[in-house]
């Protein structure tokens, strides 16, 4: 998949009208770096159509965005969860 297509698909996921459909920024970084597969995004403007006019309203798909690689909560493992670009620029993951 070329970089333009990755960027476009990622952008369409990020502008979804419903916030729960938008991916986490850690997932966005992995999408753009090619570390995770990017599913085809739904139409981000479908929520603006009237219910009777919405095409494929019964065929809506829901993607749950999770980043299970860094869910351990251990600060020593957080460095291992960083992507190559994050390591290159010494970007650290935020911890809760």
PDB file of N, CA and C in Angstrom:
ATOM      1  N   UNK A   1       0.858  -1.160   0.000  1.00  0.00           N
ATOM      2  CA  UNK A   1       0.000   0.000   0.000  1.00  0.00           C
ATOM      3  C   UNK A   1       0.911   1.232   0.000  1.00  0.00           C
ATOM      4  N   UNK A   2       0.639   2.146  -0.864  1.00  0.00           N
ATOM      5  CA  UNK A   2       1.513   3.323  -0.912  1.00  0.00           C
ATOM      6  C   UNK A   2       1.196   4.296   0.227  1.00  0.00           C
ATOM      7  N   UNK A   3       2.116   5.197   0.467  1.00  0.00           N
ATOM      8  CA  UNK A   3       2.001   6.112   1.604  1.00  0.00           C
ATOM      9  C   UNK A   3       0.772   7.022   1.494  1.00  0.00           C
ATOM     10  N   UNK A   4       0.443   7.461   0.288  1.00  0.00           N
ATOM     11  CA  UNK A   4      -0.729   8.319   0.109  1.00  0.00           C
ATOM     12  C   UNK A   4      -2.013   7.633   0.533  1.00  0.00           C
ATOM     13  N   UNK A   5      -2.142   6.357   0.190  1.00  0.00           N
ATOM     14  CA  UNK A   5      -3.333   5.603   0.576  1.00  0.00           C
ATOM     15  C   UNK A   5      -3.381   5.406   2.093  1.00  0.00           C
ATOM     16  N   UNK A   6      -2.240   5.129   2.707  1.00  0.00           N
ATOM     17  CA  UNK A   6      -2.177   5.006   4.174  1.00  0.00           C
ATOM     18  C   UNK A   6      -2.627   6.301   4.836  1.00  0.00           C
ATOM     19  N   UNK A   7      -2.118   7.411   4.323  1.00  0.00           N
ATOM     20  CA  UNK A   7      -2.451   8.708   4.911  1.00  0.00           C
ATOM     21  C   UNK A   7      -3.934   9.016   4.750  1.00  0.00           C
ATOM     22  N   UNK A   8      -4.490   8.715   3.580  1.00  0.00           N
ATOM     23  CA  UNK A   8      -5.900   8.991   3.328  1.00  0.00           C
ATOM     24  C   UNK A   8      -6.806   8.146   4.216  1.00  0.00           C
ATOM     25  N   UNK A   9      -6.522   6.845   4.305  1.00  0.00           N
ATOM     26  CA  UNK A   9      -7.343   5.974   5.155  1.00  0.00           C
ATOM     27  C   UNK A   9      -7.249   6.395   6.616  1.00  0.00           C
ATOM     28  N   UNK A  10      -6.051   6.709   7.063  1.00  0.00           N
ATOM     29  CA  UNK A  10      -5.865   7.137   8.449  1.00  0.00           C
ATOM     30  C   UNK A  10      -6.626   8.433   8.715  1.00  0.00           C
ATOM     31  N   UNK A  11      -6.563   9.360   7.774  1.00  0.00           N
ATOM     32  CA  UNK A  11      -7.298  10.626   7.911  1.00  0.00           C
ATOM     33  C   UNK A  11      -8.792  10.386   8.021  1.00  0.00           C
ATOM     34  N   UNK A  12      -9.324   9.494   7.174  1.00  0.00           N
ATOM     35  CA  UNK A  12     -10.755   9.215   7.218  1.00  0.00           C
ATOM     36  C   UNK A  12     -11.163   8.581   8.543  1.00  0.00           C
ATOM     37  N   UNK A  13     -10.290   7.773   9.138  1.00  0.00           N
ATOM     38  CA  UNK A  13     -10.598   7.237  10.473  1.00  0.00           C
ATOM     39  C   UNK A  13     -10.588   8.346  11.516  1.00  0.00           C
ATOM     40  N   UNK A  14      -9.663   9.283  11.394  1.00  0.00           N
ATOM     41  CA  UNK A  14      -9.511  10.341  12.405  1.00  0.00           C
ATOM     42  C   UNK A  14     -10.610  11.388  12.370  1.00  0.00           C
ATOM     43  N   UNK A  15     -11.335  11.517  11.258  1.00  0.00           N
ATOM     44  CA  UNK A  15     -12.379  12.539  11.160  1.00  0.00           C
ATOM     45  C   UNK A  15     -13.779  11.952  11.303  1.00  0.00           C
ATOM     46  N   UNK A  16     -13.890  10.766  11.840  1.00  0.00           N
ATOM     47  CA  UNK A  16     -15.212  10.173  12.053  1.00  0.00           C
ATOM     48  C   UNK A  16     -16.031  11.078  12.972  1.00  0.00           C
ATOM     49  N   UNK A  17     -17.313  11.230  12.648  1.00  0.00           N
ATOM     50  CA  UNK A  17     -18.188  12.113  13.430  1.00  0.00           C
ATOM     51  C   UNK A  17     -18.351  11.608  14.869  1.00  0.00           C
ATOM     52  N   UNK A  18     -18.472  10.307  15.033  1.00  0.00           N
ATOM     53  CA  UNK A  18     -18.619   9.742  16.382  1.00  0.00           C
ATOM     54  C   UNK A  18     -17.229   9.529  16.993  1.00  0.00           C
ATOM     55  N   UNK A  19     -16.944  10.158  18.108  1.00  0.00           N
ATOM     56  CA  UNK A  19     -15.614  10.052  18.711  1.00  0.00           C
ATOM     57  C   UNK A  19     -15.177   8.629  19.024  1.00  0.00           C
ATOM     58  N   UNK A  20     -16.115   7.752  19.372  1.00  0.00           N
ATOM     59  CA  UNK A  20     -15.722   6.382  19.714  1.00  0.00           C
ATOM     60  C   UNK A  20     -15.266   5.589  18.496  1.00  0.00           C
ATOM     61  N   UNK A  21     -15.455   6.105  17.297  1.00  0.00           N
ATOM     62  CA  UNK A  21     -14.967   5.442  16.086  1.00  0.00           C
ATOM     63  C   UNK A  21     -13.547   5.871  15.727  1.00  0.00           C
ATOM     64  N   UNK A  22     -13.061   6.944  16.343  1.00  0.00           N
ATOM     65  CA  UNK A  22     -11.724   7.451  16.031  1.00  0.00           C
ATOM     66  C   UNK A  22     -10.661   6.621  16.757  1.00  0.00           C
ATOM     67  N   UNK A  23      -9.543   6.336  16.081  1.00  0.00           N
ATOM     68  CA  UNK A  23      -8.479   5.555  16.731  1.00  0.00           C
ATOM     69  C   UNK A  23      -7.663   6.402  17.714  1.00  0.00           C
ATOM     70  N   UNK A  24      -7.013   5.732  18.633  1.00  0.00           N
ATOM     71  CA  UNK A  24      -6.086   6.391  19.557  1.00  0.00           C
ATOM     72  C   UNK A  24      -4.882   6.890  18.765  1.00  0.00           C
ATOM     73  N   UNK A  25      -4.210   7.909  19.276  1.00  0.00           N
ATOM     74  CA  UNK A  25      -3.048   8.445  18.563  1.00  0.00           C
ATOM     75  C   UNK A  25      -1.933   7.412  18.443  1.00  0.00           C
ATOM     76  N   UNK A  26      -1.801   6.529  19.418  1.00  0.00           N
ATOM     77  CA  UNK A  26      -0.782   5.486  19.306  1.00  0.00           C
ATOM     78  C   UNK A  26      -1.090   4.552  18.136  1.00  0.00           C
ATOM     79  N   UNK A  27      -2.375   4.307  17.878  1.00  0.00           N
ATOM     80  CA  UNK A  27      -2.781   3.485  16.737  1.00  0.00           C
ATOM     81  C   UNK A  27      -2.536   4.251  15.442  1.00  0.00           C
ATOM     82  N   UNK A  28      -2.814   5.561  15.432  1.00  0.00           N
ATOM     83  CA  UNK A  28      -2.589   6.381  14.240  1.00  0.00           C
ATOM     84  C   UNK A  28      -1.120   6.340  13.840  1.00  0.00           C
ATOM     85  N   UNK A  29      -0.232   6.470  14.816  1.00  0.00           N
ATOM     86  CA  UNK A  29       1.206   6.416  14.538  1.00  0.00           C
ATOM     87  C   UNK A  29       1.566   5.061  13.924  1.00  0.00           C
ATOM     88  N   UNK A  30       1.037   3.994  14.498  1.00  0.00           N
ATOM     89  CA  UNK A  30       1.329   2.656  13.971  1.00  0.00           C
ATOM     90  C   UNK A  30       0.753   2.468  12.571  1.00  0.00           C
ATOM     91  N   UNK A  31      -0.411   3.057  12.298  1.00  0.00           N
ATOM     92  CA  UNK A  31      -1.001   2.989  10.952  1.00  0.00           C
ATOM     93  C   UNK A  31      -0.068   3.639   9.935  1.00  0.00           C
ATOM     94  N   UNK A  32       0.396   4.843  10.265  1.00  0.00           N
ATOM     95  CA  UNK A  32       1.233   5.588   9.330  1.00  0.00           C
ATOM     96  C   UNK A  32       2.613   4.963   9.149  1.00  0.00           C
ATOM     97  N   UNK A  33       3.115   4.299  10.173  1.00  0.00           N
ATOM     98  CA  UNK A  33       4.413   3.638  10.069  1.00  0.00           C
ATOM     99  C   UNK A  33       4.317   2.267   9.415  1.00  0.00           C
ATOM    100  N   UNK A  34       3.091   1.764   9.255  1.00  0.00           N
ATOM    101  CA  UNK A  34       2.920   0.452   8.636  1.00  0.00           C
ATOM    102  C   UNK A  34       2.997  -0.698   9.613  1.00  0.00           C
ATOM    103  N   UNK A  35       2.949  -0.410  10.914  1.00  0.00           N
ATOM    104  CA  UNK A  35       3.050  -1.452  11.928  1.00  0.00           C
ATOM    105  C   UNK A  35       1.713  -2.140  12.192  1.00  0.00           C
ATOM    106  N   UNK A  36       0.616  -1.555  11.717  1.00  0.00           N
ATOM    107  CA  UNK A  36      -0.692  -2.157  11.898  1.00  0.00           C
ATOM    108  C   UNK A  36      -1.488  -2.010  10.612  1.00  0.00           C
ATOM    109  N   UNK A  37      -2.389  -2.941  10.378  1.00  0.00           N
ATOM    110  CA  UNK A  37      -3.219  -2.915   9.177  1.00  0.00           C
ATOM    111  C   UNK A  37      -4.290  -1.832   9.317  1.00  0.00           C
ATOM    112  N   UNK A  38      -4.601  -1.175   8.210  1.00  0.00           N
ATOM    113  CA  UNK A  38      -5.606  -0.114   8.221  1.00  0.00           C
ATOM    114  C   UNK A  38      -6.860  -0.632   7.514  1.00  0.00           C
ATOM    115  N   UNK A  39      -7.925  -0.909   8.286  1.00  0.00           N
ATOM    116  CA  UNK A  39      -9.165  -1.353   7.646  1.00  0.00           C
ATOM    117  C   UNK A  39      -9.808  -0.207   6.865  1.00  0.00           C
ATOM    118  N   UNK A  40     -10.645  -0.547   5.921  1.00  0.00           N
ATOM    119  CA  UNK A  40     -11.339   0.469   5.147  1.00  0.00           C
ATOM    120  C   UNK A  40     -12.279   1.247   6.069  1.00  0.00           C
ATOM    121  N   UNK A  41     -12.126   2.569   6.128  1.00  0.00           N
ATOM    122  CA  UNK A  41     -12.953   3.371   7.031  1.00  0.00           C
ATOM    123  C   UNK A  41     -14.368   3.542   6.494  1.00  0.00           C
ATOM    124  N   UNK A  42     -15.346   3.703   7.402  1.00  0.00           N
ATOM    125  CA  UNK A  42     -16.703   4.017   6.958  1.00  0.00           C
ATOM    126  C   UNK A  42     -16.767   5.473   6.511  1.00  0.00           C
ATOM    127  N   UNK A  43     -17.830   5.829   5.844  1.00  0.00           N
ATOM    128  CA  UNK A  43     -18.030   7.202   5.406  1.00  0.00           C
ATOM    129  C   UNK A  43     -18.147   8.100   6.636  1.00  0.00           C
ATOM    130  N   UNK A  44     -17.227   9.057   6.824  1.00  0.00           N
ATOM    131  CA  UNK A  44     -17.281   9.908   8.020  1.00  0.00           C
ATOM    132  C   UNK A  44     -18.447  10.887   8.015  1.00  0.00           C
ATOM    133  N   UNK A  45     -19.105  11.056   6.883  1.00  0.00           N
ATOM    134  CA  UNK A  45     -20.191  12.017   6.776  1.00  0.00           C
ATOM    135  C   UNK A  45     -21.565  11.363   6.788  1.00  0.00           C
ATOM    136  N   UNK A  46     -21.633  10.061   6.981  1.00  0.00           N
ATOM    137  CA  UNK A  46     -22.906   9.337   6.953  1.00  0.00           C
ATOM    138  C   UNK A  46     -23.860   9.828   8.038  1.00  0.00           C
ATOM    139  N   UNK A  47     -23.346  10.280   9.163  1.00  0.00           N
ATOM    140  CA  UNK A  47     -24.209  10.722  10.258  1.00  0.00           C
ATOM    141  C   UNK A  47     -24.944  12.013   9.927  1.00  0.00           C
ATOM    142  N   UNK A  48     -24.511  12.734   8.899  1.00  0.00           N
ATOM    143  CA  UNK A  48     -25.166  13.979   8.516  1.00  0.00           C
ATOM    144  C   UNK A  48     -26.381  13.755   7.619  1.00  0.00           C
ATOM    145  N   UNK A  49     -26.526  12.536   7.086  1.00  0.00           N
ATOM    146  CA  UNK A  49     -27.674  12.227   6.238  1.00  0.00           C
ATOM    147  C   UNK A  49     -28.881  11.937   7.105  1.00  0.00           C
ATOM    148  N   UNK A  50     -30.049  12.167   6.551  1.00  0.00           N
ATOM    149  CA  UNK A  50     -31.273  11.785   7.250  1.00  0.00           C
ATOM    150  C   UNK A  50     -31.327  10.271   7.321  1.00  0.00           C
ATOM    151  N   UNK A  51     -31.900   9.739   8.365  1.00  0.00           N
ATOM    152  CA  UNK A  51     -31.968   8.289   8.549  1.00  0.00           C
ATOM    153  C   UNK A  51     -32.566   7.592   7.333  1.00  0.00           C
ATOM    154  N   UNK A  52     -33.599   8.172   6.724  1.00  0.00           N
ATOM    155  CA  UNK A  52     -34.241   7.527   5.581  1.00  0.00           C
ATOM    156  C   UNK A  52     -33.376   7.585   4.328  1.00  0.00           C
ATOM    157  N   UNK A  53     -32.438   8.539   4.266  1.00  0.00           N
ATOM    158  CA  UNK A  53     -31.605   8.696   3.084  1.00  0.00           C
ATOM    159  C   UNK A  53     -30.251   8.008   3.209  1.00  0.00           C
ATOM    160  N   UNK A  54     -29.908   7.528   4.387  1.00  0.00           N
ATOM    161  CA  UNK A  54     -28.579   6.946   4.603  1.00  0.00           C
ATOM    162  C   UNK A  54     -28.436   5.620   3.871  1.00  0.00           C
ATOM    163  N   UNK A  55     -27.467   5.537   2.952  1.00  0.00           N
ATOM    164  CA  UNK A  55     -27.257   4.272   2.259  1.00  0.00           C
ATOM    165  C   UNK A  55     -26.581   3.262   3.175  1.00  0.00           C
ATOM    166  N   UNK A  56     -26.951   2.004   3.016  1.00  0.00           N
ATOM    167  CA  UNK A  56     -26.331   0.899   3.758  1.00  0.00           C
ATOM    168  C   UNK A  56     -26.404   1.087   5.261  1.00  0.00           C
ATOM    169  N   UNK A  57     -27.501   1.657   5.766  1.00  0.00           N
ATOM    170  CA  UNK A  57     -27.551   1.898   7.212  1.00  0.00           C
ATOM    171  C   UNK A  57     -27.597   0.595   8.007  1.00  0.00           C
ATOM    172  N   UNK A  58     -27.977  -0.511   7.379  1.00  0.00           N
ATOM    173  CA  UNK A  58     -27.982  -1.805   8.062  1.00  0.00           C
ATOM    174  C   UNK A  58     -26.635  -2.502   7.967  1.00  0.00           C
ATOM    175  N   UNK A  59     -25.737  -1.991   7.127  1.00  0.00           N
ATOM    176  CA  UNK A  59     -24.447  -2.632   6.913  1.00  0.00           C
ATOM    177  C   UNK A  59     -23.309  -1.901   7.612  1.00  0.00           C
ATOM    178  N   UNK A  60     -23.614  -1.143   8.650  1.00  0.00           N
ATOM    179  CA  UNK A  60     -22.554  -0.394   9.315  1.00  0.00           C
ATOM    180  C   UNK A  60     -21.634  -1.355  10.056  1.00  0.00           C
ATOM    181  N   UNK A  61     -20.355  -1.088   9.939  1.00  0.00           N
ATOM    182  CA  UNK A  61     -19.368  -1.904  10.629  1.00  0.00           C
ATOM    183  C   UNK A  61     -18.770  -1.082  11.748  1.00  0.00           C
ATOM    184  N   UNK A  62     -18.375  -1.733  12.793  1.00  0.00           N
ATOM    185  CA  UNK A  62     -17.818  -1.046  13.942  1.00  0.00           C
ATOM    186  C   UNK A  62     -16.430  -1.613  14.197  1.00  0.00           C
ATOM    187  N   UNK A  63     -15.465  -0.750  14.295  1.00  0.00           N
ATOM    188  CA  UNK A  63     -14.101  -1.158  14.591  1.00  0.00           C
ATOM    189  C   UNK A  63     -13.757  -0.674  15.984  1.00  0.00           C
ATOM    190  N   UNK A  64     -13.258  -1.569  16.800  1.00  0.00           N
ATOM    191  CA  UNK A  64     -12.834  -1.201  18.133  1.00  0.00           C
ATOM    192  C   UNK A  64     -11.320  -1.043  18.104  1.00  0.00           C
ATOM    193  N   UNK A  65     -10.866   0.141  18.453  1.00  0.00           N
ATOM    194  CA  UNK A  65      -9.436   0.420  18.421  1.00  0.00           C
ATOM    195  C   UNK A  65      -8.828   0.118  19.779  1.00  0.00           C
ATOM    196  N   UNK A  66      -7.922  -0.811  19.798  1.00  0.00           N
ATOM    197  CA  UNK A  66      -7.203  -1.116  21.025  1.00  0.00           C
ATOM    198  C   UNK A  66      -5.729  -1.229  20.716  1.00  0.00           C
ATOM    199  N   UNK A  67      -4.936  -0.895  21.681  1.00  0.00           N
ATOM    200  CA  UNK A  67      -3.493  -1.016  21.566  1.00  0.00           C
ATOM    201  C   UNK A  67      -3.038  -1.914  22.704  1.00  0.00           C
ATOM    202  N   UNK A  68      -3.161  -3.201  22.503  1.00  0.00           N
ATOM    203  CA  UNK A  68      -2.889  -4.162  23.571  1.00  0.00           C
ATOM    204  C   UNK A  68      -1.406  -4.354  23.831  1.00  0.00           C
ATOM    205  N   UNK A  69      -0.544  -3.863  22.953  1.00  0.00           N
ATOM    206  CA  UNK A  69       0.883  -4.071  23.151  1.00  0.00           C
ATOM    207  C   UNK A  69       1.424  -3.306  24.348  1.00  0.00           C
ATOM    208  N   UNK A  70       0.726  -2.257  24.779  1.00  0.00           N
ATOM    209  CA  UNK A  70       1.233  -1.424  25.861  1.00  0.00           C
ATOM    210  C   UNK A  70       0.289  -1.359  27.048  1.00  0.00           C
ATOM    211  N   UNK A  71      -0.587  -2.322  27.199  1.00  0.00           N
ATOM    212  CA  UNK A  71      -1.569  -2.292  28.272  1.00  0.00           C
ATOM    213  C   UNK A  71      -1.077  -2.896  29.583  1.00  0.00           C
ATOM    214  N   UNK A  72       0.188  -3.226  29.688  1.00  0.00           N
ATOM    215  CA  UNK A  72       0.683  -3.873  30.888  1.00  0.00           C
ATOM    216  C   UNK A  72       0.787  -2.918  32.061  1.00  0.00           C
ATOM    217  N   UNK A  73       1.030  -1.637  31.790  1.00  0.00           N
ATOM    218  CA  UNK A  73       1.130  -0.659  32.855  1.00  0.00           C
ATOM    219  C   UNK A  73       2.491  -0.618  33.525  1.00  0.00           C
ATOM    220  N   UNK A  74       3.428  -1.414  33.104  1.00  0.00           N
ATOM    221  CA  UNK A  74       4.762  -1.422  33.705  1.00  0.00           C
ATOM    222  C   UNK A  74       5.646  -0.428  32.979  1.00  0.00           C
ATOM    223  N   UNK A  75       6.253   0.478  33.705  1.00  0.00           N
ATOM    224  CA  UNK A  75       7.056   1.522  33.076  1.00  0.00           C
ATOM    225  C   UNK A  75       8.274   0.953  32.354  1.00  0.00           C
ATOM    226  N   UNK A  76       8.780  -0.192  32.790  1.00  0.00           N
ATOM    227  CA  UNK A  76       9.943  -0.766  32.126  1.00  0.00           C
ATOM    228  C   UNK A  76       9.589  -1.338  30.765  1.00  0.00           C
ATOM    229  N   UNK A  77       8.335  -1.685  30.571  1.00  0.00           N
ATOM    230  CA  UNK A  77       7.913  -2.263  29.298  1.00  0.00           C
ATOM    231  C   UNK A  77       7.470  -1.173  28.327  1.00  0.00           C
ATOM    232  N   UNK A  78       7.160   0.017  28.800  1.00  0.00           N
ATOM    233  CA  UNK A  78       6.679   1.091  27.934  1.00  0.00           C
ATOM    234  C   UNK A  78       7.696   1.404  26.844  1.00  0.00           C
ATOM    235  N   UNK A  79       8.963   1.378  27.151  1.00  0.00           N
ATOM    236  CA  UNK A  79       9.989   1.651  26.149  1.00  0.00           C
ATOM    237  C   UNK A  79       9.946   0.610  25.033  1.00  0.00           C
ATOM    238  N   UNK A  80       9.574  -0.632  25.345  1.00  0.00           N
ATOM    239  CA  UNK A  80       9.488  -1.676  24.339  1.00  0.00           C
ATOM    240  C   UNK A  80       8.275  -1.501  23.441  1.00  0.00           C
ATOM    241  N   UNK A  81       7.283  -0.718  23.860  1.00  0.00           N
ATOM    242  CA  UNK A  81       6.061  -0.502  23.085  1.00  0.00           C
ATOM    243  C   UNK A  81       6.229   0.592  22.050  1.00  0.00           C
ATOM    244  N   UNK A  82       7.277   1.357  22.143  1.00  0.00           N
ATOM    245  CA  UNK A  82       7.478   2.471  21.223  1.00  0.00           C
ATOM    246  C   UNK A  82       7.764   1.963  19.813  1.00  0.00           C
ATOM    247  N   UNK A  83       7.279   2.701  18.837  1.00  0.00           N
ATOM    248  CA  UNK A  83       7.534   2.365  17.442  1.00  0.00           C
ATOM    249  C   UNK A  83       8.942   2.824  17.083  1.00  0.00           C
ATOM    250  N   UNK A  84       9.492   2.380  15.945  1.00  0.00           N
ATOM    251  CA  UNK A  84      10.843   2.808  15.563  1.00  0.00           C
ATOM    252  C   UNK A  84      10.991   4.327  15.457  1.00  0.00           C
ATOM    253  N   UNK A  85       9.987   5.006  14.943  1.00  0.00           N
ATOM    254  CA  UNK A  85      10.066   6.470  14.828  1.00  0.00           C
ATOM    255  C   UNK A  85      10.074   7.103  16.217  1.00  0.00           C
ATOM    256  N   UNK A  86       9.278   6.562  17.139  1.00  0.00           N
ATOM    257  CA  UNK A  86       9.247   7.089  18.496  1.00  0.00           C
ATOM    258  C   UNK A  86      10.613   6.915  19.159  1.00  0.00           C
ATOM    259  N   UNK A  87      11.249   5.774  18.943  1.00  0.00           N
ATOM    260  CA  UNK A  87      12.570   5.542  19.523  1.00  0.00           C
ATOM    261  C   UNK A  87      13.600   6.488  18.913  1.00  0.00           C
ATOM    262  N   UNK A  88      13.501   6.708  17.595  1.00  0.00           N
ATOM    263  CA  UNK A  88      14.451   7.574  16.901  1.00  0.00           C
ATOM    264  C   UNK A  88      14.438   8.981  17.479  1.00  0.00           C
ATOM    265  N   UNK A  89      13.256   9.513  17.745  1.00  0.00           N
ATOM    266  CA  UNK A  89      13.138  10.871  18.261  1.00  0.00           C
ATOM    267  C   UNK A  89      12.952  10.925  19.769  1.00  0.00           C
ATOM    268  N   UNK A  90      13.171   9.804  20.433  1.00  0.00           N
ATOM    269  CA  UNK A  90      13.100   9.682  21.883  1.00  0.00           C
ATOM    270  C   UNK A  90      11.758  10.161  22.433  1.00  0.00           C
ATOM    271  N   UNK A  91      10.667   9.729  21.780  1.00  0.00           N
ATOM    272  CA  UNK A  91       9.317  10.058  22.221  1.00  0.00           C
ATOM    273  C   UNK A  91       8.864   8.971  23.177  1.00  0.00           C
ATOM    274  N   UNK A  92       8.393   9.376  24.349  1.00  0.00           N
ATOM    275  CA  UNK A  92       7.949   8.417  25.344  1.00  0.00           C
ATOM    276  C   UNK A  92       6.429   8.342  25.385  1.00  0.00           C
ATOM    277  N   UNK A  93       5.922   7.164  25.710  1.00  0.00           N
ATOM    278  CA  UNK A  93       4.480   6.963  25.856  1.00  0.00           C
ATOM    279  C   UNK A  93       4.054   7.577  27.190  1.00  0.00           C
ATOM    280  N   UNK A  94       2.902   8.209  27.209  1.00  0.00           N
ATOM    281  CA  UNK A  94       2.357   8.750  28.446  1.00  0.00           C
ATOM    282  C   UNK A  94       1.817   7.605  29.288  1.00  0.00           C
ATOM    283  N   UNK A  95       1.993   7.686  30.578  1.00  0.00           N
ATOM    284  CA  UNK A  95       1.462   6.644  31.451  1.00  0.00           C
ATOM    285  C   UNK A  95       0.381   7.266  32.320  1.00  0.00           C
ATOM    286  N   UNK A  96      -0.567   6.406  32.727  1.00  0.00           N
ATOM    287  CA  UNK A  96      -1.671   6.921  33.540  1.00  0.00           C
ATOM    288  C   UNK A  96      -1.388   6.810  35.003  1.00  0.00           C
TER     289      UNK A  96
END
